[in-house]
Amino acid sequence: MSTASDACAWLVDLDGTLYHAAPVKAAMALELAAAGLRVAPLLRRFRAEHERVRAEAAPADPFARQLAGAALALGVEPATLHGVVEEWMFRRPGKWLRLARRRSFLAELAAFRAAGGRAALVSDYPARDKLEALGVTALFDTVVACGEPGGPRSMKPSPEGVLSAAARLGVAPALCLVIGDREDADGEAAKRAGMRFRRIAGL
């Protein structure tokens, strides 16, 4: 198995790993408070649905299942909920993400890439807009994300996402290092895939 020093590929989580989540959440809580009561209940239910879908195994996109389940529970159209999620979870936070970047880790990742290492972004949510907002798209050779074309059919701790990333990079699982902020999700996915795990402490 790989260690941080001998790994050929890093498979990196996004939320809470590439940026400090707490200040972004605080900034968005203020925006939500200003928006009134219309948006917050929709987002709370959508996030709660995330953990339910995480435990499922089904031949369909987990992000779509999350949207459909939350919309059904709320009594709204999936397209309506999708619009709210797109605005409040992916578009609006963008302006705060760059300010909250984990600069030391991103510098470490850039150095790893410069030395010839490969890197993949593996996320349970659509990731490309956030990567662009963070300004780090070029640090990754490939993106494996639920809700995007070619994304996994199951969320972490399923190993599907990290194994798919390793295959795309052409690197054996034993030579991959999974990096994330959740032991129960990223860490367990790494264990099931036969990969080493490094936890990034949250803020």
N, C-alpha and C. Protein backbone atom coordinates (compact mmCIF):
# COMPACT_ATOMS: atom_id res chain seq x y z
N MET A 1 0.83 -1.20 0.00
CA MET A 1 0.00 0.00 0.00
C MET A 1 0.86 1.24 0.00
N SER A 2 0.26 2.33 -0.44
CA SER A 2 1.00 3.57 -0.56
C SER A 2 1.08 4.33 0.75
N THR A 3 2.08 5.14 0.85
CA THR A 3 2.16 6.14 1.90
C THR A 3 2.14 7.48 1.18
N ALA A 4 2.10 8.57 1.95
CA ALA A 4 2.07 9.89 1.33
C ALA A 4 3.29 10.11 0.45
N SER A 5 4.42 9.48 0.78
CA SER A 5 5.64 9.74 0.04
C SER A 5 5.80 8.87 -1.20
N ASP A 6 5.21 7.63 -1.19
CA ASP A 6 5.43 6.76 -2.34
C ASP A 6 4.21 6.59 -3.23
N ALA A 7 3.12 7.27 -2.93
CA ALA A 7 1.92 7.16 -3.75
C ALA A 7 2.17 7.76 -5.13
N CYS A 8 1.64 7.10 -6.15
CA CYS A 8 1.73 7.62 -7.51
C CYS A 8 0.56 8.52 -7.85
N ALA A 9 -0.55 8.36 -7.11
CA ALA A 9 -1.74 9.16 -7.39
C ALA A 9 -2.43 9.55 -6.08
N TRP A 10 -2.91 10.78 -6.04
CA TRP A 10 -3.72 11.26 -4.93
C TRP A 10 -5.15 11.38 -5.42
N LEU A 11 -6.09 10.81 -4.68
CA LEU A 11 -7.52 10.86 -4.99
C LEU A 11 -8.16 11.73 -3.91
N VAL A 12 -8.55 12.93 -4.29
CA VAL A 12 -8.84 13.99 -3.32
C VAL A 12 -10.32 14.33 -3.28
N ASP A 13 -10.86 14.40 -2.08
CA ASP A 13 -12.22 14.87 -1.84
C ASP A 13 -12.27 16.39 -2.05
N LEU A 14 -13.47 16.95 -2.18
CA LEU A 14 -13.60 18.39 -2.41
C LEU A 14 -14.05 19.13 -1.16
N ASP A 15 -15.34 18.99 -0.79
CA ASP A 15 -15.90 19.79 0.30
C ASP A 15 -15.26 19.44 1.63
N GLY A 16 -14.72 20.46 2.28
CA GLY A 16 -14.05 20.27 3.56
C GLY A 16 -12.61 19.82 3.44
N THR A 17 -12.18 19.53 2.22
CA THR A 17 -10.80 19.07 1.98
C THR A 17 -9.99 20.12 1.24
N LEU A 18 -10.53 20.65 0.14
CA LEU A 18 -9.83 21.69 -0.60
C LEU A 18 -10.04 23.07 0.00
N TYR A 19 -11.06 23.20 0.82
CA TYR A 19 -11.32 24.50 1.48
C TYR A 19 -11.84 24.26 2.89
N HIS A 20 -11.67 25.27 3.73
CA HIS A 20 -12.19 25.22 5.10
C HIS A 20 -13.71 25.40 5.03
N ALA A 21 -14.45 24.40 5.47
CA ALA A 21 -15.90 24.44 5.32
C ALA A 21 -16.59 25.42 6.27
N ALA A 22 -16.08 25.57 7.49
CA ALA A 22 -16.79 26.35 8.50
C ALA A 22 -17.02 27.81 8.09
N PRO A 23 -16.01 28.55 7.61
CA PRO A 23 -16.28 29.94 7.23
C PRO A 23 -17.22 30.07 6.05
N VAL A 24 -17.18 29.10 5.13
CA VAL A 24 -18.11 29.14 3.99
C VAL A 24 -19.53 28.91 4.48
N LYS A 25 -19.71 27.95 5.37
CA LYS A 25 -21.03 27.68 5.92
C LYS A 25 -21.56 28.88 6.69
N ALA A 26 -20.69 29.56 7.44
CA ALA A 26 -21.11 30.74 8.20
C ALA A 26 -21.56 31.86 7.26
N ALA A 27 -20.80 32.08 6.20
CA ALA A 27 -21.17 33.12 5.24
C ALA A 27 -22.49 32.79 4.56
N MET A 28 -22.68 31.53 4.21
CA MET A 28 -23.91 31.14 3.55
C MET A 28 -25.10 31.17 4.51
N ALA A 29 -24.87 30.92 5.79
CA ALA A 29 -25.95 31.00 6.78
C ALA A 29 -26.49 32.43 6.86
N LEU A 30 -25.59 33.39 6.77
CA LEU A 30 -26.02 34.79 6.77
C LEU A 30 -26.84 35.11 5.52
N GLU A 31 -26.43 34.60 4.38
CA GLU A 31 -27.19 34.82 3.15
C GLU A 31 -28.56 34.15 3.24
N LEU A 32 -28.59 32.95 3.81
CA LEU A 32 -29.86 32.25 3.95
C LEU A 32 -30.80 33.00 4.89
N ALA A 33 -30.25 33.55 5.96
CA ALA A 33 -31.07 34.33 6.90
C ALA A 33 -31.70 35.52 6.20
N ALA A 34 -30.94 36.15 5.32
CA ALA A 34 -31.45 37.30 4.59
C ALA A 34 -32.50 36.88 3.57
N ALA A 35 -32.43 35.63 3.10
CA ALA A 35 -33.38 35.15 2.09
C ALA A 35 -34.73 34.77 2.69
N GLY A 36 -34.80 34.69 4.02
CA GLY A 36 -36.05 34.34 4.66
C GLY A 36 -36.25 32.84 4.80
N LEU A 37 -37.49 32.41 4.97
CA LEU A 37 -37.81 31.03 5.31
C LEU A 37 -38.04 30.14 4.09
N ARG A 38 -38.02 30.69 2.89
CA ARG A 38 -38.38 29.90 1.71
C ARG A 38 -37.32 28.86 1.36
N VAL A 39 -36.05 29.22 1.47
CA VAL A 39 -34.97 28.38 0.95
C VAL A 39 -34.46 27.36 1.97
N ALA A 40 -34.28 27.78 3.21
CA ALA A 40 -33.62 26.94 4.21
C ALA A 40 -34.26 25.56 4.39
N PRO A 41 -35.58 25.44 4.48
CA PRO A 41 -36.16 24.10 4.66
C PRO A 41 -35.88 23.17 3.47
N LEU A 42 -35.82 23.72 2.27
CA LEU A 42 -35.53 22.90 1.10
C LEU A 42 -34.11 22.34 1.17
N LEU A 43 -33.17 23.19 1.55
CA LEU A 43 -31.77 22.76 1.63
C LEU A 43 -31.57 21.77 2.77
N ARG A 44 -32.24 21.99 3.90
CA ARG A 44 -32.11 21.06 5.02
C ARG A 44 -32.58 19.67 4.63
N ARG A 45 -33.71 19.61 3.94
CA ARG A 45 -34.24 18.30 3.54
C ARG A 45 -33.34 17.64 2.50
N PHE A 46 -32.80 18.44 1.59
CA PHE A 46 -31.90 17.91 0.57
C PHE A 46 -30.66 17.32 1.23
N ARG A 47 -30.09 18.01 2.21
CA ARG A 47 -28.90 17.51 2.90
C ARG A 47 -29.22 16.24 3.70
N ALA A 48 -30.38 16.20 4.33
CA ALA A 48 -30.77 15.00 5.07
C ALA A 48 -30.92 13.81 4.13
N GLU A 49 -31.42 14.05 2.95
CA GLU A 49 -31.58 12.99 1.96
C GLU A 49 -30.23 12.44 1.51
N HIS A 50 -29.22 13.28 1.57
CA HIS A 50 -27.87 12.86 1.17
C HIS A 50 -27.41 11.66 2.00
N GLU A 51 -27.60 11.71 3.30
CA GLU A 51 -27.15 10.62 4.16
C GLU A 51 -27.98 9.36 3.95
N ARG A 52 -29.26 9.52 3.62
CA ARG A 52 -30.08 8.33 3.34
C ARG A 52 -29.61 7.66 2.05
N VAL A 53 -29.37 8.45 1.02
CA VAL A 53 -28.94 7.91 -0.26
C VAL A 53 -27.55 7.30 -0.14
N ARG A 54 -26.71 7.87 0.73
CA ARG A 54 -25.36 7.33 0.91
C ARG A 54 -25.38 5.85 1.28
N ALA A 55 -26.41 5.45 2.02
CA ALA A 55 -26.49 4.06 2.49
C ALA A 55 -27.09 3.12 1.44
N GLU A 56 -27.57 3.66 0.33
CA GLU A 56 -28.21 2.85 -0.69
C GLU A 56 -27.21 2.37 -1.74
N ALA A 57 -27.58 1.32 -2.43
CA ALA A 57 -26.84 0.88 -3.61
C ALA A 57 -27.88 0.67 -4.71
N ALA A 58 -27.82 1.50 -5.74
CA ALA A 58 -28.82 1.42 -6.81
C ALA A 58 -28.18 1.80 -8.13
N PRO A 59 -28.67 1.24 -9.24
CA PRO A 59 -28.09 1.53 -10.55
C PRO A 59 -28.58 2.86 -11.13
N ALA A 60 -28.42 3.92 -10.39
CA ALA A 60 -28.84 5.24 -10.85
C ALA A 60 -27.97 6.28 -10.16
N ASP A 61 -27.90 7.45 -10.76
CA ASP A 61 -27.08 8.53 -10.23
C ASP A 61 -27.53 8.93 -8.82
N PRO A 62 -26.64 8.89 -7.82
CA PRO A 62 -27.02 9.23 -6.44
C PRO A 62 -27.52 10.66 -6.31
N PHE A 63 -26.95 11.59 -7.06
CA PHE A 63 -27.39 12.98 -6.98
C PHE A 63 -28.84 13.11 -7.45
N ALA A 64 -29.18 12.42 -8.52
CA ALA A 64 -30.56 12.44 -9.01
C ALA A 64 -31.50 11.80 -8.00
N ARG A 65 -31.07 10.72 -7.36
CA ARG A 65 -31.91 10.08 -6.34
C ARG A 65 -32.10 11.00 -5.14
N GLN A 66 -31.05 11.71 -4.78
CA GLN A 66 -31.14 12.65 -3.67
C GLN A 66 -32.15 13.75 -3.98
N LEU A 67 -32.08 14.30 -5.18
CA LEU A 67 -33.02 15.33 -5.59
C LEU A 67 -34.45 14.80 -5.59
N ALA A 68 -34.65 13.63 -6.18
CA ALA A 68 -35.99 13.07 -6.30
C ALA A 68 -36.58 12.77 -4.92
N GLY A 69 -35.79 12.16 -4.04
CA GLY A 69 -36.29 11.83 -2.71
C GLY A 69 -36.64 13.05 -1.89
N ALA A 70 -35.79 14.06 -1.93
CA ALA A 70 -36.05 15.29 -1.18
C ALA A 70 -37.25 16.03 -1.75
N ALA A 71 -37.36 16.07 -3.08
CA ALA A 71 -38.49 16.75 -3.71
C ALA A 71 -39.81 16.07 -3.34
N LEU A 72 -39.81 14.73 -3.33
CA LEU A 72 -41.02 13.99 -2.96
C LEU A 72 -41.42 14.30 -1.52
N ALA A 73 -40.44 14.30 -0.60
CA ALA A 73 -40.72 14.58 0.80
C ALA A 73 -41.23 16.00 1.01
N LEU A 74 -40.75 16.92 0.20
CA LEU A 74 -41.13 18.32 0.33
C LEU A 74 -42.40 18.67 -0.43
N GLY A 75 -42.79 17.81 -1.37
CA GLY A 75 -43.95 18.11 -2.18
C GLY A 75 -43.69 19.18 -3.23
N VAL A 76 -42.48 19.20 -3.77
CA VAL A 76 -42.14 20.16 -4.82
C VAL A 76 -41.62 19.40 -6.03
N GLU A 77 -41.58 20.08 -7.17
CA GLU A 77 -41.04 19.47 -8.37
C GLU A 77 -39.53 19.32 -8.25
N PRO A 78 -38.96 18.19 -8.71
CA PRO A 78 -37.51 18.03 -8.67
C PRO A 78 -36.76 19.16 -9.37
N ALA A 79 -37.31 19.66 -10.49
CA ALA A 79 -36.65 20.75 -11.20
C ALA A 79 -36.59 22.02 -10.35
N THR A 80 -37.64 22.25 -9.57
CA THR A 80 -37.66 23.43 -8.69
C THR A 80 -36.59 23.29 -7.62
N LEU A 81 -36.53 22.12 -6.99
CA LEU A 81 -35.51 21.89 -5.96
C LEU A 81 -34.11 21.96 -6.56
N HIS A 82 -33.95 21.41 -7.76
CA HIS A 82 -32.64 21.44 -8.41
C HIS A 82 -32.18 22.88 -8.59
N GLY A 83 -33.08 23.76 -8.98
CA GLY A 83 -32.72 25.16 -9.15
C GLY A 83 -32.25 25.80 -7.85
N VAL A 84 -32.93 25.47 -6.75
CA VAL A 84 -32.54 26.01 -5.44
C VAL A 84 -31.17 25.47 -5.03
N VAL A 85 -30.97 24.17 -5.20
CA VAL A 85 -29.69 23.55 -4.85
C VAL A 85 -28.56 24.13 -5.69
N GLU A 86 -28.81 24.26 -6.99
CA GLU A 86 -27.79 24.81 -7.90
C GLU A 86 -27.37 26.21 -7.47
N GLU A 87 -28.35 27.02 -7.12
CA GLU A 87 -28.04 28.40 -6.73
C GLU A 87 -27.35 28.48 -5.38
N TRP A 88 -27.90 27.77 -4.38
CA TRP A 88 -27.44 27.99 -3.01
C TRP A 88 -26.30 27.08 -2.57
N MET A 89 -26.11 25.94 -3.26
CA MET A 89 -25.03 25.04 -2.86
C MET A 89 -23.83 25.09 -3.81
N PHE A 90 -24.07 25.52 -5.06
CA PHE A 90 -22.98 25.50 -6.03
C PHE A 90 -22.61 26.89 -6.56
N ARG A 91 -23.60 27.74 -6.84
CA ARG A 91 -23.27 29.05 -7.43
C ARG A 91 -22.93 30.09 -6.37
N ARG A 92 -23.83 30.31 -5.42
CA ARG A 92 -23.60 31.36 -4.43
C ARG A 92 -22.35 31.15 -3.57
N PRO A 93 -22.05 29.91 -3.14
CA PRO A 93 -20.85 29.75 -2.31
C PRO A 93 -19.54 30.03 -3.06
N GLY A 94 -19.60 30.09 -4.38
CA GLY A 94 -18.38 30.25 -5.17
C GLY A 94 -17.54 31.44 -4.77
N LYS A 95 -18.19 32.53 -4.45
CA LYS A 95 -17.44 33.75 -4.11
C LYS A 95 -16.70 33.64 -2.79
N TRP A 96 -17.12 32.69 -1.95
CA TRP A 96 -16.45 32.50 -0.65
C TRP A 96 -15.37 31.42 -0.71
N LEU A 97 -15.47 30.52 -1.67
CA LEU A 97 -14.58 29.36 -1.69
C LEU A 97 -13.11 29.75 -1.81
N ARG A 98 -12.81 30.66 -2.73
CA ARG A 98 -11.41 31.02 -2.93
C ARG A 98 -10.80 31.62 -1.66
N LEU A 99 -11.60 32.37 -0.91
CA LEU A 99 -11.11 32.98 0.34
C LEU A 99 -10.82 31.92 1.40
N ALA A 100 -11.53 30.77 1.31
CA ALA A 100 -11.40 29.73 2.34
C ALA A 100 -10.51 28.57 1.90
N ARG A 101 -9.78 28.73 0.80
CA ARG A 101 -8.94 27.63 0.31
C ARG A 101 -7.94 27.17 1.37
N ARG A 102 -7.66 25.88 1.38
CA ARG A 102 -6.60 25.33 2.23
C ARG A 102 -5.29 25.53 1.46
N ARG A 103 -4.70 26.68 1.64
CA ARG A 103 -3.56 27.08 0.82
C ARG A 103 -2.35 26.15 0.99
N SER A 104 -2.08 25.73 2.20
CA SER A 104 -0.91 24.87 2.41
C SER A 104 -1.12 23.51 1.74
N PHE A 105 -2.32 22.95 1.84
CA PHE A 105 -2.57 21.67 1.19
C PHE A 105 -2.54 21.81 -0.33
N LEU A 106 -3.11 22.88 -0.86
CA LEU A 106 -3.10 23.08 -2.30
C LEU A 106 -1.68 23.27 -2.83
N ALA A 107 -0.84 23.92 -2.04
CA ALA A 107 0.57 24.05 -2.44
C ALA A 107 1.25 22.68 -2.44
N GLU A 108 0.90 21.85 -1.46
CA GLU A 108 1.44 20.50 -1.39
C GLU A 108 1.00 19.67 -2.59
N LEU A 109 -0.27 19.82 -2.96
CA LEU A 109 -0.80 19.10 -4.12
C LEU A 109 -0.12 19.57 -5.40
N ALA A 110 0.09 20.87 -5.53
CA ALA A 110 0.77 21.41 -6.71
C ALA A 110 2.19 20.87 -6.82
N ALA A 111 2.88 20.77 -5.69
CA ALA A 111 4.24 20.24 -5.68
C ALA A 111 4.25 18.76 -6.07
N PHE A 112 3.26 18.01 -5.58
CA PHE A 112 3.14 16.60 -5.94
C PHE A 112 2.94 16.45 -7.44
N ARG A 113 2.08 17.28 -8.02
CA ARG A 113 1.84 17.23 -9.47
C ARG A 113 3.11 17.62 -10.23
N ALA A 114 3.81 18.64 -9.76
CA ALA A 114 5.02 19.09 -10.44
C ALA A 114 6.10 18.01 -10.44
N ALA A 115 6.07 17.16 -9.43
CA ALA A 115 7.05 16.08 -9.33
C ALA A 115 6.64 14.85 -10.13
N GLY A 116 5.54 14.93 -10.85
CA GLY A 116 5.11 13.82 -11.69
C GLY A 116 3.94 13.02 -11.17
N GLY A 117 3.39 13.41 -10.01
CA GLY A 117 2.25 12.68 -9.45
C GLY A 117 0.97 12.94 -10.22
N ARG A 118 0.05 11.99 -10.17
CA ARG A 118 -1.26 12.14 -10.80
C ARG A 118 -2.26 12.47 -9.71
N ALA A 119 -3.36 13.14 -10.10
CA ALA A 119 -4.37 13.51 -9.11
C ALA A 119 -5.76 13.46 -9.72
N ALA A 120 -6.72 12.98 -8.92
CA ALA A 120 -8.12 12.95 -9.32
C ALA A 120 -8.95 13.58 -8.21
N LEU A 121 -10.00 14.26 -8.59
CA LEU A 121 -10.98 14.79 -7.65
C LEU A 121 -12.13 13.79 -7.58
N VAL A 122 -12.48 13.34 -6.39
CA VAL A 122 -13.56 12.36 -6.21
C VAL A 122 -14.57 12.95 -5.23
N SER A 123 -15.80 13.21 -5.70
CA SER A 123 -16.78 13.92 -4.89
C SER A 123 -18.15 13.26 -4.97
N ASP A 124 -18.91 13.38 -3.88
CA ASP A 124 -20.29 12.90 -3.85
C ASP A 124 -21.26 13.92 -4.43
N TYR A 125 -20.79 15.10 -4.80
CA TYR A 125 -21.60 16.15 -5.40
C TYR A 125 -20.97 16.59 -6.72
N PRO A 126 -21.74 17.21 -7.62
CA PRO A 126 -21.13 17.83 -8.79
C PRO A 126 -20.00 18.77 -8.36
N ALA A 127 -18.88 18.72 -9.08
CA ALA A 127 -17.68 19.36 -8.56
C ALA A 127 -17.07 20.44 -9.45
N ARG A 128 -17.34 20.43 -10.74
CA ARG A 128 -16.56 21.27 -11.65
C ARG A 128 -16.74 22.77 -11.39
N ASP A 129 -17.96 23.21 -11.06
CA ASP A 129 -18.16 24.63 -10.78
C ASP A 129 -17.37 25.08 -9.56
N LYS A 130 -17.33 24.23 -8.53
CA LYS A 130 -16.58 24.59 -7.33
C LYS A 130 -15.08 24.59 -7.60
N LEU A 131 -14.61 23.65 -8.42
CA LEU A 131 -13.18 23.65 -8.76
C LEU A 131 -12.81 24.94 -9.49
N GLU A 132 -13.67 25.39 -10.39
CA GLU A 132 -13.41 26.64 -11.09
C GLU A 132 -13.42 27.82 -10.14
N ALA A 133 -14.37 27.84 -9.20
CA ALA A 133 -14.44 28.92 -8.22
C ALA A 133 -13.19 28.95 -7.34
N LEU A 134 -12.69 27.77 -7.01
CA LEU A 134 -11.47 27.67 -6.20
C LEU A 134 -10.21 28.01 -7.01
N GLY A 135 -10.32 27.92 -8.33
CA GLY A 135 -9.17 28.18 -9.19
C GLY A 135 -8.16 27.05 -9.20
N VAL A 136 -8.64 25.81 -9.03
CA VAL A 136 -7.71 24.67 -8.92
C VAL A 136 -8.00 23.56 -9.93
N THR A 137 -8.78 23.85 -10.95
CA THR A 137 -9.13 22.82 -11.93
C THR A 137 -7.89 22.16 -12.53
N ALA A 138 -6.86 22.96 -12.79
CA ALA A 138 -5.65 22.45 -13.45
C ALA A 138 -4.86 21.48 -12.58
N LEU A 139 -5.17 21.40 -11.29
CA LEU A 139 -4.43 20.50 -10.41
C LEU A 139 -4.88 19.04 -10.57
N PHE A 140 -5.96 18.81 -11.31
CA PHE A 140 -6.52 17.46 -11.38
C PHE A 140 -6.52 16.95 -12.81
N ASP A 141 -6.10 15.69 -12.96
CA ASP A 141 -6.12 15.03 -14.26
C ASP A 141 -7.51 14.59 -14.66
N THR A 142 -8.34 14.29 -13.68
CA THR A 142 -9.69 13.84 -13.96
C THR A 142 -10.59 14.15 -12.77
N VAL A 143 -11.89 14.20 -13.03
CA VAL A 143 -12.88 14.46 -12.00
C VAL A 143 -13.91 13.33 -12.02
N VAL A 144 -14.13 12.71 -10.88
CA VAL A 144 -15.13 11.65 -10.73
C VAL A 144 -16.13 12.15 -9.70
N ALA A 145 -17.33 12.54 -10.15
CA ALA A 145 -18.27 13.18 -9.24
C ALA A 145 -19.69 12.73 -9.51
N CYS A 146 -20.43 12.46 -8.45
CA CYS A 146 -21.85 12.16 -8.58
C CYS A 146 -22.55 13.37 -9.22
N GLY A 147 -23.52 13.09 -10.07
CA GLY A 147 -24.24 14.17 -10.72
C GLY A 147 -23.57 14.70 -11.96
N GLU A 148 -22.44 14.12 -12.35
CA GLU A 148 -21.75 14.53 -13.58
C GLU A 148 -21.60 13.31 -14.49
N PRO A 149 -21.46 13.53 -15.80
CA PRO A 149 -21.33 12.40 -16.73
C PRO A 149 -20.19 11.45 -16.32
N GLY A 150 -20.50 10.16 -16.31
CA GLY A 150 -19.50 9.17 -15.94
C GLY A 150 -19.27 9.06 -14.45
N GLY A 151 -20.09 9.74 -13.65
CA GLY A 151 -19.92 9.71 -12.20
C GLY A 151 -20.32 8.37 -11.61
N PRO A 152 -19.92 8.11 -10.37
CA PRO A 152 -20.25 6.82 -9.73
C PRO A 152 -21.73 6.68 -9.45
N ARG A 153 -22.19 5.45 -9.34
CA ARG A 153 -23.60 5.16 -9.04
C ARG A 153 -23.84 5.04 -7.55
N SER A 154 -22.79 5.15 -6.76
CA SER A 154 -22.94 5.08 -5.30
C SER A 154 -21.96 6.05 -4.65
N MET A 155 -22.38 6.58 -3.51
CA MET A 155 -21.56 7.53 -2.78
C MET A 155 -20.56 6.82 -1.87
N LYS A 156 -19.57 7.56 -1.41
CA LYS A 156 -18.69 7.04 -0.38
C LYS A 156 -19.54 6.71 0.85
N PRO A 157 -19.28 5.64 1.57
CA PRO A 157 -18.02 4.88 1.61
C PRO A 157 -17.89 3.78 0.55
N SER A 158 -18.81 3.73 -0.41
CA SER A 158 -18.59 2.81 -1.52
C SER A 158 -17.25 3.14 -2.17
N PRO A 159 -16.48 2.13 -2.54
CA PRO A 159 -15.19 2.40 -3.18
C PRO A 159 -15.29 2.70 -4.67
N GLU A 160 -16.51 2.71 -5.22
CA GLU A 160 -16.68 2.86 -6.68
C GLU A 160 -15.98 4.11 -7.21
N GLY A 161 -16.17 5.25 -6.54
CA GLY A 161 -15.59 6.50 -7.04
C GLY A 161 -14.08 6.48 -7.06
N VAL A 162 -13.45 6.01 -5.98
CA VAL A 162 -11.98 6.02 -5.94
C VAL A 162 -11.39 4.97 -6.87
N LEU A 163 -12.08 3.84 -7.01
CA LEU A 163 -11.59 2.82 -7.95
C LEU A 163 -11.72 3.30 -9.39
N SER A 164 -12.80 4.01 -9.69
CA SER A 164 -12.96 4.59 -11.03
C SER A 164 -11.86 5.61 -11.30
N ALA A 165 -11.55 6.43 -10.30
CA ALA A 165 -10.50 7.44 -10.46
C ALA A 165 -9.15 6.78 -10.72
N ALA A 166 -8.85 5.74 -9.96
CA ALA A 166 -7.58 5.03 -10.15
C ALA A 166 -7.49 4.45 -11.56
N ALA A 167 -8.60 3.88 -12.03
CA ALA A 167 -8.62 3.29 -13.38
C ALA A 167 -8.40 4.36 -14.44
N ARG A 168 -9.04 5.50 -14.28
CA ARG A 168 -8.88 6.58 -15.26
C ARG A 168 -7.43 7.08 -15.30
N LEU A 169 -6.79 7.10 -14.13
CA LEU A 169 -5.41 7.56 -14.06
C LEU A 169 -4.42 6.48 -14.49
N GLY A 170 -4.88 5.24 -14.57
CA GLY A 170 -3.99 4.15 -14.92
C GLY A 170 -3.03 3.79 -13.81
N VAL A 171 -3.48 3.94 -12.56
CA VAL A 171 -2.64 3.67 -11.39
C VAL A 171 -3.29 2.57 -10.56
N ALA A 172 -2.51 1.59 -10.14
CA ALA A 172 -3.03 0.50 -9.32
C ALA A 172 -3.54 1.03 -7.98
N PRO A 173 -4.64 0.47 -7.46
CA PRO A 173 -5.19 0.94 -6.19
C PRO A 173 -4.16 1.00 -5.06
N ALA A 174 -3.25 0.02 -5.01
CA ALA A 174 -2.26 -0.02 -3.94
C ALA A 174 -1.29 1.16 -3.99
N LEU A 175 -1.26 1.86 -5.12
CA LEU A 175 -0.35 3.01 -5.26
C LEU A 175 -1.10 4.33 -5.18
N CYS A 176 -2.35 4.26 -4.69
CA CYS A 176 -3.17 5.47 -4.57
C CYS A 176 -3.33 5.88 -3.11
N LEU A 177 -3.37 7.17 -2.88
CA LEU A 177 -3.62 7.75 -1.56
C LEU A 177 -4.91 8.55 -1.63
N VAL A 178 -5.90 8.17 -0.83
CA VAL A 178 -7.16 8.91 -0.75
C VAL A 178 -7.00 9.99 0.32
N ILE A 179 -7.41 11.21 -0.01
CA ILE A 179 -7.28 12.34 0.92
C ILE A 179 -8.66 12.97 1.09
N GLY A 180 -9.13 13.05 2.33
CA GLY A 180 -10.45 13.62 2.59
C GLY A 180 -10.61 14.01 4.03
N ASP A 181 -11.78 14.54 4.36
CA ASP A 181 -12.01 15.06 5.72
C ASP A 181 -12.91 14.16 6.55
N ARG A 182 -13.44 13.07 5.97
CA ARG A 182 -14.34 12.19 6.72
C ARG A 182 -13.81 10.77 6.76
N GLU A 183 -13.52 10.31 7.96
CA GLU A 183 -13.05 8.94 8.15
C GLU A 183 -14.13 7.94 7.74
N ASP A 184 -15.39 8.27 8.05
CA ASP A 184 -16.48 7.33 7.78
C ASP A 184 -16.86 7.25 6.31
N ALA A 185 -16.46 8.23 5.51
CA ALA A 185 -16.78 8.24 4.09
C ALA A 185 -15.52 8.04 3.25
N ASP A 186 -14.64 9.02 3.23
CA ASP A 186 -13.40 8.93 2.45
C ASP A 186 -12.50 7.80 2.96
N GLY A 187 -12.35 7.74 4.27
CA GLY A 187 -11.47 6.73 4.86
C GLY A 187 -11.97 5.32 4.63
N GLU A 188 -13.27 5.12 4.79
CA GLU A 188 -13.84 3.79 4.59
C GLU A 188 -13.79 3.39 3.12
N ALA A 189 -14.02 4.35 2.21
CA ALA A 189 -13.91 4.05 0.78
C ALA A 189 -12.49 3.60 0.43
N ALA A 190 -11.50 4.29 1.00
CA ALA A 190 -10.11 3.91 0.76
C ALA A 190 -9.83 2.50 1.27
N LYS A 191 -10.31 2.20 2.46
CA LYS A 191 -10.09 0.87 3.05
C LYS A 191 -10.68 -0.22 2.16
N ARG A 192 -11.91 0.00 1.69
CA ARG A 192 -12.57 -1.01 0.86
C ARG A 192 -11.89 -1.18 -0.49
N ALA A 193 -11.21 -0.11 -0.95
CA ALA A 193 -10.53 -0.17 -2.25
C ALA A 193 -9.09 -0.65 -2.14
N GLY A 194 -8.61 -0.89 -0.94
CA GLY A 194 -7.21 -1.31 -0.76
C GLY A 194 -6.24 -0.17 -0.93
N MET A 195 -6.66 1.04 -0.52
CA MET A 195 -5.83 2.23 -0.65
C MET A 195 -5.52 2.81 0.73
N ARG A 196 -4.46 3.60 0.80
CA ARG A 196 -4.13 4.32 2.02
C ARG A 196 -5.01 5.56 2.14
N PHE A 197 -5.20 6.03 3.37
CA PHE A 197 -6.03 7.22 3.60
C PHE A 197 -5.30 8.25 4.44
N ARG A 198 -5.47 9.49 4.07
CA ARG A 198 -4.95 10.62 4.84
C ARG A 198 -6.10 11.56 5.15
N ARG A 199 -6.31 11.83 6.43
CA ARG A 199 -7.41 12.72 6.81
C ARG A 199 -6.93 14.16 6.91
N ILE A 200 -7.73 15.05 6.31
CA ILE A 200 -7.51 16.49 6.44
C ILE A 200 -8.43 16.99 7.54
N ALA A 201 -7.88 17.54 8.60
CA ALA A 201 -8.68 17.97 9.74
C ALA A 201 -9.57 19.13 9.34
N GLY A 202 -10.83 19.08 9.80
CA GLY A 202 -11.78 20.13 9.46
C GLY A 202 -11.64 21.36 10.32
N LEU A 203 -12.32 22.42 9.88
CA LEU A 203 -12.39 23.67 10.64
C LEU A 203 -13.84 23.98 10.93
